[in-house]
């Protein structure tokens, strides 16, 4: 088990140079996939990276795994800088979206395949049983390469990047000097025995409930069964960190729900650090102890599932977290001595007690009219005689709830109301709606940042 520290991680894909007729070589296709990603992950946490396609979540996961090179920044696993450590030496297990099982091998052989290739370090001793000390030539070689790469990176670094890189280089040089001159415990390496492999495979099979599948090939299994085999293959390695890259996206809706709970149970049993990537915010909300919301390679907010839902820091997070999506109204707000007045897109107004908006930035309570974005979730809208008038355009009956899509005059947007139970409203009906004042959100129209201050008290 291990914690992770990601400090100012960037990932840039640099385009090739292309010569145009009559001009000098020009570079094209540069793309910054991840920008200034900083995150501290505690040992044993279940962290979820969530965001739309192309937001950089899988790229970040692959950098942690060592499958993508970090352009700049530092990645620490269990307190050790691993930027230049190969993927096989990071002690990380990854579960992919397509499972990557060997079709010609049964489940037992798929799970045990990596163990058969793996070697175990055994301390060297002399004939008296005393430890043998030697210069670790492999470690020295790795450190020399690391120092060389750091010097090359430092030569092209910006003035802002240089202090941090110089500090890392100093540490690497000291470590190189130590291992070059200091004999340490020497090791020999051996393959695992059949009995050791069998014990690990059966241990994983017991936890995952796949004992009856051990001698079945992947082609004879369901998607959920193949997913369990992929998880078992990762488990038997006993890694410090589990990385899961959209592992449920190939399953049907019912099976995804089942496997979500299975992975959460697995995390609780293993008590190992899990990092899970998904574009499905329901998976994120139901699985993660903390969620990292990303957009365009940038972290938008890192928080617990409930705090993301209750206290979004910007409009993107508010709209991305929650089903159906939060409604957004382009409104004008102004205040009197005791009331907050909100003018809606079609000119209708509503006023609310100013005392209900103690978290609203005081700049917006100075009596001036200001254009902002009002956000309110469909479940926090109800019907009232003195509410805003809207027209019902579409009605969706979902059994225990009904979704009503409504419009305002001169406004092309659809707004969603989630009404409990069923009702007799029909398309074209005029309805009057009101908002739960305690569940209204305000966002700056330009920056899209939330105008509500997050409570500082402990909500337990």
Protein backbone atom coordinates (compact mmCIF):
# COMPACT_ATOMS: atom_id res chain seq x y z
CA UNK A 1 0.00 0.00 0.00
CA UNK A 2 1.18 3.54 -0.69
CA UNK A 3 0.21 7.17 -0.93
CA UNK A 4 0.91 9.28 -4.02
CA UNK A 5 1.94 12.87 -4.54
CA UNK A 6 1.54 14.58 -7.91
CA UNK A 7 3.20 18.01 -8.04
CA UNK A 8 2.59 20.38 -10.96
CA UNK A 9 2.31 17.59 -13.53
CA UNK A 10 2.14 18.64 -17.19
CA UNK A 11 1.77 16.45 -20.26
CA UNK A 12 2.38 17.96 -23.69
CA UNK A 13 2.18 16.13 -26.99
CA UNK A 14 4.53 17.93 -29.36
CA UNK A 15 3.76 17.94 -33.06
CA UNK A 16 6.32 17.19 -35.73
CA UNK A 17 8.03 19.77 -37.90
CA UNK A 18 6.64 20.13 -41.37
CA UNK A 19 8.29 21.98 -44.22
CA UNK A 20 6.01 24.17 -46.27
CA UNK A 21 6.93 25.22 -49.78
CA UNK A 22 8.61 28.59 -49.77
CA UNK A 23 8.84 28.76 -45.94
CA UNK A 24 11.01 27.50 -43.10
CA UNK A 25 10.12 24.41 -41.08
CA UNK A 26 7.05 24.91 -38.90
CA UNK A 27 5.91 22.79 -35.97
CA UNK A 28 2.29 21.72 -35.87
CA UNK A 29 -0.04 19.75 -33.65
CA UNK A 30 1.23 20.75 -30.15
CA UNK A 31 -1.33 19.83 -27.50
CA UNK A 32 -1.22 20.25 -23.71
CA UNK A 33 -3.23 17.29 -22.42
CA UNK A 34 -2.69 17.86 -18.68
CA UNK A 35 -1.93 21.22 -17.08
CA UNK A 36 -0.50 21.86 -13.61
CA UNK A 37 -2.05 18.75 -12.02
CA UNK A 38 -1.30 18.70 -8.27
CA UNK A 39 -2.88 16.17 -5.90
CA UNK A 40 -2.05 14.40 -2.65
CA UNK A 41 -3.52 10.88 -2.40
CA UNK A 42 -3.45 9.20 0.99
CA UNK A 43 -2.61 5.54 1.51
CA UNK A 44 -5.77 3.42 1.11
CA UNK A 45 -7.94 6.11 -0.54
CA UNK A 46 -10.36 5.43 -3.38
CA UNK A 47 -9.80 8.36 -5.76
CA UNK A 48 -11.92 8.83 -8.87
CA UNK A 49 -10.89 10.95 -11.87
CA UNK A 50 -14.02 12.05 -13.70
CA UNK A 51 -14.72 14.35 -16.62
CA UNK A 52 -15.80 14.41 -20.27
CA UNK A 53 -13.86 12.62 -23.01
CA UNK A 54 -10.56 14.33 -23.75
CA UNK A 55 -10.23 16.01 -20.34
CA UNK A 56 -6.90 14.31 -19.51
CA UNK A 57 -8.03 11.79 -16.89
CA UNK A 58 -6.74 8.65 -18.66
CA UNK A 59 -3.52 10.45 -19.64
CA UNK A 60 -2.92 11.28 -15.97
CA UNK A 61 -3.56 7.66 -15.02
CA UNK A 62 -1.10 6.47 -17.67
CA UNK A 63 1.56 8.86 -16.36
CA UNK A 64 1.10 7.38 -12.87
CA UNK A 65 1.43 3.89 -14.37
CA UNK A 66 4.58 4.86 -16.28
CA UNK A 67 2.99 4.26 -19.69
CA UNK A 68 3.27 7.96 -20.59
CA UNK A 69 6.28 10.18 -19.99
CA UNK A 70 5.75 13.22 -17.75
CA UNK A 71 6.61 16.44 -19.58
CA UNK A 72 7.29 18.33 -16.33
CA UNK A 73 6.43 18.03 -12.65
CA UNK A 74 7.13 15.35 -10.04
CA UNK A 75 5.35 12.10 -9.22
CA UNK A 76 6.04 10.41 -5.89
CA UNK A 77 4.81 6.94 -4.93
CA UNK A 78 5.27 5.97 -1.29
CA UNK A 79 7.56 8.98 -0.88
CA UNK A 80 9.87 7.98 -3.76
CA UNK A 81 10.28 10.09 -6.90
CA UNK A 82 9.36 7.78 -9.81
CA UNK A 83 9.49 10.05 -12.88
CA UNK A 84 12.35 7.98 -14.30
CA UNK A 85 11.29 4.61 -12.86
CA UNK A 86 10.01 2.17 -15.47
CA UNK A 87 6.42 0.93 -15.35
CA UNK A 88 7.44 -2.59 -14.30
CA UNK A 89 9.36 -1.24 -11.28
CA UNK A 90 6.61 1.02 -9.88
CA UNK A 91 4.72 -1.83 -8.16
CA UNK A 92 1.43 -0.78 -9.70
CA UNK A 93 -1.35 -2.94 -11.19
CA UNK A 94 -3.62 -1.62 -13.92
CA UNK A 95 -7.01 -2.87 -15.08
CA UNK A 96 -7.84 -1.76 -18.61
CA UNK A 97 -11.13 -1.01 -20.31
CA UNK A 98 -10.86 -4.01 -22.65
CA UNK A 99 -9.63 -6.44 -19.90
CA UNK A 100 -6.71 -7.66 -22.13
CA UNK A 101 -7.14 -11.34 -21.26
CA UNK A 102 -5.32 -14.05 -23.22
CA UNK A 103 -8.12 -15.82 -25.15
CA UNK A 104 -6.28 -19.18 -25.40
CA UNK A 105 -5.70 -19.39 -21.62
CA UNK A 106 -8.25 -20.30 -18.96
CA UNK A 107 -8.95 -18.00 -16.01
CA UNK A 108 -6.39 -19.70 -13.76
CA UNK A 109 -3.60 -19.23 -16.31
CA UNK A 110 -4.66 -15.65 -17.07
CA UNK A 111 -4.49 -14.74 -13.38
CA UNK A 112 -1.22 -16.58 -12.78
CA UNK A 113 0.56 -15.53 -15.98
CA UNK A 114 2.26 -12.48 -14.45
CA UNK A 115 3.28 -14.46 -11.37
CA UNK A 116 5.05 -17.05 -13.52
CA UNK A 117 7.13 -14.27 -15.08
CA UNK A 118 7.79 -12.49 -11.79
CA UNK A 119 10.93 -12.95 -9.71
CA UNK A 120 11.18 -12.66 -5.93
CA UNK A 121 14.15 -10.99 -4.26
CA UNK A 122 15.95 -13.18 -1.70
CA UNK A 123 18.64 -11.78 0.60
CA UNK A 124 22.14 -13.14 -0.12
CA UNK A 125 23.97 -14.70 2.82
CA UNK A 126 27.41 -16.31 3.23
CA UNK A 127 28.16 -19.78 4.60
CA UNK A 128 27.78 -18.43 8.15
CA UNK A 129 24.31 -17.05 7.44
CA UNK A 130 25.56 -13.45 7.53
CA UNK A 131 24.23 -10.89 5.01
CA UNK A 132 26.35 -10.23 1.94
CA UNK A 133 26.95 -6.53 1.22
CA UNK A 134 27.74 -5.27 -2.29
CA UNK A 135 27.59 -2.07 -4.32
CA UNK A 136 24.16 -2.07 -6.00
CA UNK A 137 25.31 -1.62 -9.59
CA UNK A 138 21.78 -1.68 -10.97
CA UNK A 139 20.70 1.15 -8.66
CA UNK A 140 23.85 3.12 -9.48
CA UNK A 141 23.13 2.79 -13.21
CA UNK A 142 19.52 3.95 -12.72
CA UNK A 143 20.65 6.97 -10.67
CA UNK A 144 23.28 7.98 -13.23
CA UNK A 145 20.59 7.93 -15.91
CA UNK A 146 18.27 9.93 -13.66
CA UNK A 147 20.92 12.60 -12.97
CA UNK A 148 21.71 12.83 -16.69
CA UNK A 149 18.02 13.29 -17.58
CA UNK A 150 17.51 15.87 -14.83
CA UNK A 151 20.47 17.92 -16.05
CA UNK A 152 19.09 17.84 -19.59
CA UNK A 153 15.64 18.91 -18.34
CA UNK A 154 17.15 21.67 -16.21
CA UNK A 155 19.02 23.12 -19.17
CA UNK A 156 15.74 23.81 -21.00
CA UNK A 157 13.60 24.67 -17.97
CA UNK A 158 12.00 28.06 -17.35
CA UNK A 159 13.18 30.26 -14.50
CA UNK A 160 10.06 29.31 -12.51
CA UNK A 161 10.75 25.58 -12.93
CA UNK A 162 14.48 25.69 -12.14
CA UNK A 163 14.37 25.93 -8.28
CA UNK A 164 12.27 22.77 -7.90
CA UNK A 165 14.35 20.88 -10.49
CA UNK A 166 17.63 21.94 -8.86
CA UNK A 167 16.38 20.62 -5.53
CA UNK A 168 15.45 17.26 -7.11
CA UNK A 169 18.83 17.11 -8.90
CA UNK A 170 20.70 17.74 -5.63
CA UNK A 171 18.82 14.88 -3.96
CA UNK A 172 19.55 12.57 -6.90
CA UNK A 173 23.28 13.43 -6.85
CA UNK A 174 23.48 12.75 -3.10
CA UNK A 175 21.67 9.43 -3.59
CA UNK A 176 24.06 8.51 -6.43
CA UNK A 177 27.09 9.31 -4.28
CA UNK A 178 25.71 7.18 -1.45
CA UNK A 179 24.98 4.09 -3.55
CA UNK A 180 28.26 4.42 -5.49
CA UNK A 181 30.32 4.23 -2.28
CA UNK A 182 28.16 2.29 0.19
CA UNK A 183 27.73 -1.50 0.04
CA UNK A 184 24.15 -2.56 0.71
CA UNK A 185 22.33 -5.86 1.19
CA UNK A 186 22.77 -8.00 -1.92
CA UNK A 187 19.93 -10.06 -3.36
CA UNK A 188 19.44 -13.04 -5.61
CA UNK A 189 16.22 -13.54 -7.53
CA UNK A 190 14.07 -16.63 -8.02
CA UNK A 191 10.78 -17.52 -9.69
CA UNK A 192 7.74 -18.26 -7.54
CA UNK A 193 7.00 -21.92 -6.90
CA UNK A 194 3.84 -23.61 -8.20
CA UNK A 195 2.54 -23.86 -4.64
CA UNK A 196 3.05 -20.11 -4.02
CA UNK A 197 1.31 -19.23 -7.29
CA UNK A 198 -1.58 -21.62 -6.56
CA UNK A 199 -2.08 -20.09 -3.12
CA UNK A 200 -2.29 -16.55 -4.52
CA UNK A 201 -4.66 -17.48 -7.37
CA UNK A 202 -7.05 -19.31 -5.02
CA UNK A 203 -6.92 -16.41 -2.55
CA UNK A 204 -8.01 -13.98 -5.28
CA UNK A 205 -10.65 -16.41 -6.58
CA UNK A 206 -12.17 -16.71 -3.08
CA UNK A 207 -12.42 -12.92 -2.69
CA UNK A 208 -13.91 -12.41 -6.17
CA UNK A 209 -16.19 -15.47 -6.08
CA UNK A 210 -14.77 -17.01 -9.27
CA UNK A 211 -13.66 -20.45 -8.06
CA UNK A 212 -15.99 -22.16 -10.54
CA UNK A 213 -14.50 -20.16 -13.44
CA UNK A 214 -10.81 -20.96 -12.94
CA UNK A 215 -10.68 -23.50 -15.75
CA UNK A 216 -12.98 -21.66 -18.15
CA UNK A 217 -11.70 -19.61 -21.10
CA UNK A 218 -12.66 -15.93 -21.58
CA UNK A 219 -14.79 -16.69 -24.66
CA UNK A 220 -17.13 -18.75 -22.46
CA UNK A 221 -17.58 -15.98 -19.87
CA UNK A 222 -19.88 -12.98 -19.53
CA UNK A 223 -18.50 -9.43 -19.44
CA UNK A 224 -18.77 -9.27 -15.66
CA UNK A 225 -16.92 -12.58 -15.25
CA UNK A 226 -14.11 -11.42 -17.53
CA UNK A 227 -13.90 -8.22 -15.48
CA UNK A 228 -13.43 -10.27 -12.31
CA UNK A 229 -10.63 -12.25 -13.95
CA UNK A 230 -8.87 -8.99 -14.90
CA UNK A 231 -9.23 -7.78 -11.31
CA UNK A 232 -7.88 -11.09 -10.01
CA UNK A 233 -4.82 -10.82 -12.25
CA UNK A 234 -4.10 -7.40 -10.73
CA UNK A 235 -4.80 -8.53 -7.15
CA UNK A 236 -2.36 -11.44 -7.03
CA UNK A 237 0.55 -9.09 -7.61
CA UNK A 238 -0.15 -7.39 -4.26
CA UNK A 239 0.59 -3.94 -5.74
CA UNK A 240 0.97 -0.69 -3.83
CA UNK A 241 -1.62 1.00 -6.07
CA UNK A 242 -4.51 -0.21 -8.26
CA UNK A 243 -5.23 1.80 -11.41
CA UNK A 244 -8.58 1.19 -13.14
CA UNK A 245 -9.21 2.84 -16.52
CA UNK A 246 -12.97 2.85 -17.25
CA UNK A 247 -13.22 -0.88 -16.45
CA UNK A 248 -17.03 -1.00 -16.56
CA UNK A 249 -17.71 0.90 -19.79
CA UNK A 250 -18.17 -2.32 -21.83
CA UNK A 251 -20.83 -3.74 -19.51
CA UNK A 252 -24.60 -3.30 -19.71
CA UNK A 253 -26.35 -0.96 -17.26
CA UNK A 254 -27.49 -3.65 -14.81
CA UNK A 255 -24.09 -5.35 -14.70
CA UNK A 256 -22.32 -2.00 -14.23
CA UNK A 257 -24.39 -1.39 -11.10
CA UNK A 258 -23.47 -4.83 -9.73
CA UNK A 259 -19.77 -4.45 -10.54
CA UNK A 260 -19.64 -0.97 -8.97
CA UNK A 261 -20.54 -2.45 -5.60
CA UNK A 262 -18.15 -5.38 -6.14
CA UNK A 263 -15.19 -3.04 -6.72
CA UNK A 264 -16.09 -0.96 -3.65
CA UNK A 265 -16.24 -4.16 -1.54
CA UNK A 266 -12.88 -5.24 -2.99
CA UNK A 267 -11.31 -1.92 -2.00
CA UNK A 268 -12.55 -2.33 1.56
CA UNK A 269 -11.16 -5.86 1.76
CA UNK A 270 -7.74 -5.04 0.30
CA UNK A 271 -7.38 -1.59 1.95
CA UNK A 272 -5.10 -0.56 -0.93
CA UNK A 273 -4.96 2.75 -2.80
CA UNK A 274 -7.37 2.72 -5.78
CA UNK A 275 -7.34 5.30 -8.59
CA UNK A 276 -10.34 4.91 -10.87
CA UNK A 277 -11.03 6.73 -14.15
CA UNK A 278 -14.54 7.18 -15.54
CA UNK A 279 -16.63 9.63 -17.55
CA UNK A 280 -19.76 8.46 -15.69
CA UNK A 281 -20.51 10.81 -12.80
CA UNK A 282 -22.84 8.23 -11.19
CA UNK A 283 -19.90 5.81 -10.91
CA UNK A 284 -17.80 8.60 -9.44
CA UNK A 285 -20.42 9.62 -6.87
CA UNK A 286 -21.11 6.08 -5.68
CA UNK A 287 -17.54 4.75 -5.54
CA UNK A 288 -15.00 7.41 -4.62
CA UNK A 289 -13.96 8.64 -1.18
CA UNK A 290 -12.79 11.72 -3.08
CA UNK A 291 -13.46 12.81 -6.65
CA UNK A 292 -11.22 14.81 -8.98
CA UNK A 293 -13.30 16.64 -11.61
CA UNK A 294 -11.31 17.52 -14.73
CA UNK A 295 -11.91 19.64 -17.82
CA UNK A 296 -9.45 20.46 -20.63
CA UNK A 297 -6.56 18.94 -18.68
CA UNK A 298 -7.17 21.09 -15.58
CA UNK A 299 -8.52 20.07 -12.17
CA UNK A 300 -11.80 21.90 -11.60
CA UNK A 301 -12.45 20.66 -8.06
CA UNK A 302 -11.29 17.88 -5.74
CA UNK A 303 -13.74 16.99 -2.99
CA UNK A 304 -15.94 14.36 -1.41
CA UNK A 305 -18.99 13.26 -3.44
CA UNK A 306 -21.46 15.09 -1.19
CA UNK A 307 -19.45 18.33 -1.16
CA UNK A 308 -19.12 18.28 -4.94
CA UNK A 309 -22.87 18.01 -5.19
CA UNK A 310 -23.70 20.55 -2.46
CA UNK A 311 -20.87 23.06 -2.92
CA UNK A 312 -19.66 23.13 -6.56
CA UNK A 313 -16.86 25.65 -7.06
CA UNK A 314 -17.85 26.55 -10.61
CA UNK A 315 -20.59 26.17 -13.19
CA UNK A 316 -18.91 23.23 -14.94
CA UNK A 317 -18.79 21.12 -11.76
CA UNK A 318 -22.38 22.07 -10.90
CA UNK A 319 -23.58 20.98 -14.34
CA UNK A 320 -21.47 17.83 -14.56
CA UNK A 321 -22.29 16.38 -11.14
CA UNK A 322 -25.91 15.36 -10.66
CA UNK A 323 -28.59 13.71 -12.82
CA UNK A 324 -30.38 15.31 -14.56
CA UNK A 325 -28.05 18.27 -15.11
CA UNK A 326 -28.58 21.43 -13.08
CA UNK A 327 -30.73 24.11 -14.73
CA UNK A 328 -28.92 27.38 -15.54
CA UNK A 329 -30.77 30.70 -15.94
CA UNK A 330 -29.09 33.86 -17.23
CA UNK A 331 -30.53 36.35 -14.74
CA UNK A 332 -30.05 39.84 -13.36
CA UNK A 333 -29.84 40.24 -9.58
CA UNK A 334 -30.20 43.30 -7.39
CA UNK A 335 -30.84 43.80 -3.69
CA UNK A 336 -32.88 46.02 -1.40
CA UNK A 337 -32.51 46.36 2.35
CA UNK A 338 -34.16 43.00 2.98
CA UNK A 339 -34.78 41.28 -0.37
CA UNK A 340 -32.83 39.81 -3.28
CA UNK A 341 -34.57 40.49 -6.59
CA UNK A 342 -33.95 38.11 -9.50
CA UNK A 343 -35.04 38.99 -13.05
CA UNK A 344 -35.38 35.98 -15.37
CA UNK A 345 -34.68 35.80 -19.16
CA UNK A 346 -38.29 36.53 -20.11
CA UNK A 347 -38.54 39.57 -17.81
CA UNK A 348 -40.40 37.88 -14.93
CA UNK A 349 -39.06 38.65 -11.47
CA UNK A 350 -39.00 36.95 -8.10
CA UNK A 351 -37.78 38.32 -4.78
CA UNK A 352 -36.37 36.31 -1.89
CA UNK A 353 -35.44 37.14 1.73
CA UNK A 354 -31.90 38.49 1.75
CA UNK A 355 -31.24 36.62 5.00
CA UNK A 356 -31.36 33.35 3.03
CA UNK A 357 -28.23 34.31 1.05
CA UNK A 358 -25.63 34.79 3.77
CA UNK A 359 -23.09 32.85 1.66
CA UNK A 360 -23.50 35.09 -1.40
CA UNK A 361 -20.51 37.35 -2.12
CA UNK A 362 -21.26 40.78 -0.61
CA UNK A 363 -20.15 42.44 -3.86
CA UNK A 364 -23.41 41.24 -5.37
CA UNK A 365 -25.54 42.64 -2.56
CA UNK A 366 -24.73 46.34 -3.01
CA UNK A 367 -28.03 47.30 -4.68
CA UNK A 368 -26.63 47.41 -8.23
CA UNK A 369 -28.00 45.21 -11.00
CA UNK A 370 -25.58 42.44 -11.94
CA UNK A 371 -25.79 39.79 -14.63
CA UNK A 372 -25.12 36.33 -13.18
CA UNK A 373 -26.02 32.69 -13.81
CA UNK A 374 -28.58 31.15 -11.46
CA UNK A 375 -28.36 27.39 -11.00
CA UNK A 376 -31.04 25.15 -9.51
CA UNK A 377 -31.52 21.39 -9.73
CA UNK A 378 -34.74 19.91 -11.06
CA UNK A 379 -35.58 18.25 -7.72
CA UNK A 380 -35.44 21.66 -6.00
CA UNK A 381 -38.19 23.17 -8.17
CA UNK A 382 -41.81 22.95 -7.06
CA UNK A 383 -45.17 24.39 -8.08
CA UNK A 384 -46.67 27.54 -6.52
CA UNK A 385 -49.38 30.05 -7.46
CA UNK A 386 -47.04 33.03 -7.13
CA UNK A 387 -44.18 31.43 -9.06
CA UNK A 388 -42.64 31.98 -12.50
CA UNK A 389 -44.86 31.10 -15.46
CA UNK A 390 -43.50 28.43 -17.83
CA UNK A 391 -44.91 26.24 -20.62
CA UNK A 392 -44.65 22.44 -20.56
CA UNK A 393 -43.00 21.15 -23.76
CA UNK A 394 -42.13 17.50 -22.97
CA UNK A 395 -43.20 15.08 -20.24
CA UNK A 396 -41.28 11.93 -19.30
CA UNK A 397 -42.86 9.50 -16.81
CA UNK A 398 -40.14 7.45 -15.08
CA UNK A 399 -42.35 5.48 -12.71
CA UNK A 400 -41.73 6.97 -9.27
CA UNK A 401 -40.83 10.40 -10.71
CA UNK A 402 -41.82 12.54 -13.67
CA UNK A 403 -39.47 14.82 -15.59
CA UNK A 404 -41.10 17.91 -17.02
CA UNK A 405 -39.26 19.93 -19.67
CA UNK A 406 -40.48 23.52 -19.61
CA UNK A 407 -39.74 26.76 -21.49
CA UNK A 408 -40.01 30.45 -20.74
CA UNK A 409 -41.29 32.99 -23.27
CA UNK A 410 -38.59 34.18 -25.70
CA UNK A 411 -36.17 31.55 -24.37
CA UNK A 412 -35.17 28.53 -26.46
CA UNK A 413 -33.70 26.60 -23.50
CA UNK A 414 -35.43 23.65 -21.91
CA UNK A 415 -35.45 23.58 -18.09
CA UNK A 416 -36.07 20.33 -16.22
CA UNK A 417 -38.40 19.83 -13.25
CA UNK A 418 -38.19 16.52 -11.38
CA UNK A 419 -41.65 16.02 -9.87
CA UNK A 420 -42.32 13.25 -7.36
CA UNK A 421 -44.85 10.61 -8.48
CA UNK A 422 -47.12 11.24 -11.45
CA UNK A 423 -49.32 14.13 -12.54
CA UNK A 424 -51.93 15.06 -15.14
CA UNK A 425 -50.02 17.89 -16.82
CA UNK A 426 -49.93 17.77 -20.63
CA UNK A 427 -47.84 19.39 -23.36
CA UNK A 428 -48.70 23.08 -23.76
CA UNK A 429 -49.96 23.55 -20.16
CA UNK A 430 -48.97 26.76 -18.37
CA UNK A 431 -47.31 26.02 -15.02
CA UNK A 432 -46.05 28.22 -12.21
CA UNK A 433 -42.82 27.17 -10.54
CA UNK A 434 -40.84 28.23 -7.47
CA UNK A 435 -37.35 27.39 -6.22
CA UNK A 436 -36.08 26.04 -2.92
CA UNK A 437 -34.17 29.12 -1.76
CA UNK A 438 -31.62 27.08 0.21
CA UNK A 439 -30.70 25.15 -2.99
CA UNK A 440 -30.13 28.10 -5.33
CA UNK A 441 -26.61 28.63 -6.72
CA UNK A 442 -25.10 31.72 -8.34
CA UNK A 443 -22.14 31.84 -10.74
CA UNK A 444 -20.18 34.71 -12.24
CA UNK A 445 -21.20 35.08 -15.86
CA UNK A 446 -17.64 35.66 -17.11
CA UNK A 447 -15.45 33.41 -14.94
CA UNK A 448 -18.20 30.85 -14.11
CA UNK A 449 -16.85 30.69 -10.54
CA UNK A 450 -19.38 30.14 -7.75
CA UNK A 451 -20.46 33.29 -5.92
CA UNK A 452 -21.39 31.29 -2.81
CA UNK A 453 -18.79 30.80 -0.10
CA UNK A 454 -18.37 27.22 1.08
CA UNK A 455 -19.29 26.76 4.78
CA UNK A 456 -16.28 26.34 7.04
CA UNK A 457 -18.03 24.36 9.77
CA UNK A 458 -17.56 20.61 10.09
CA UNK A 459 -20.53 18.78 8.58
CA UNK A 460 -19.31 15.42 9.88
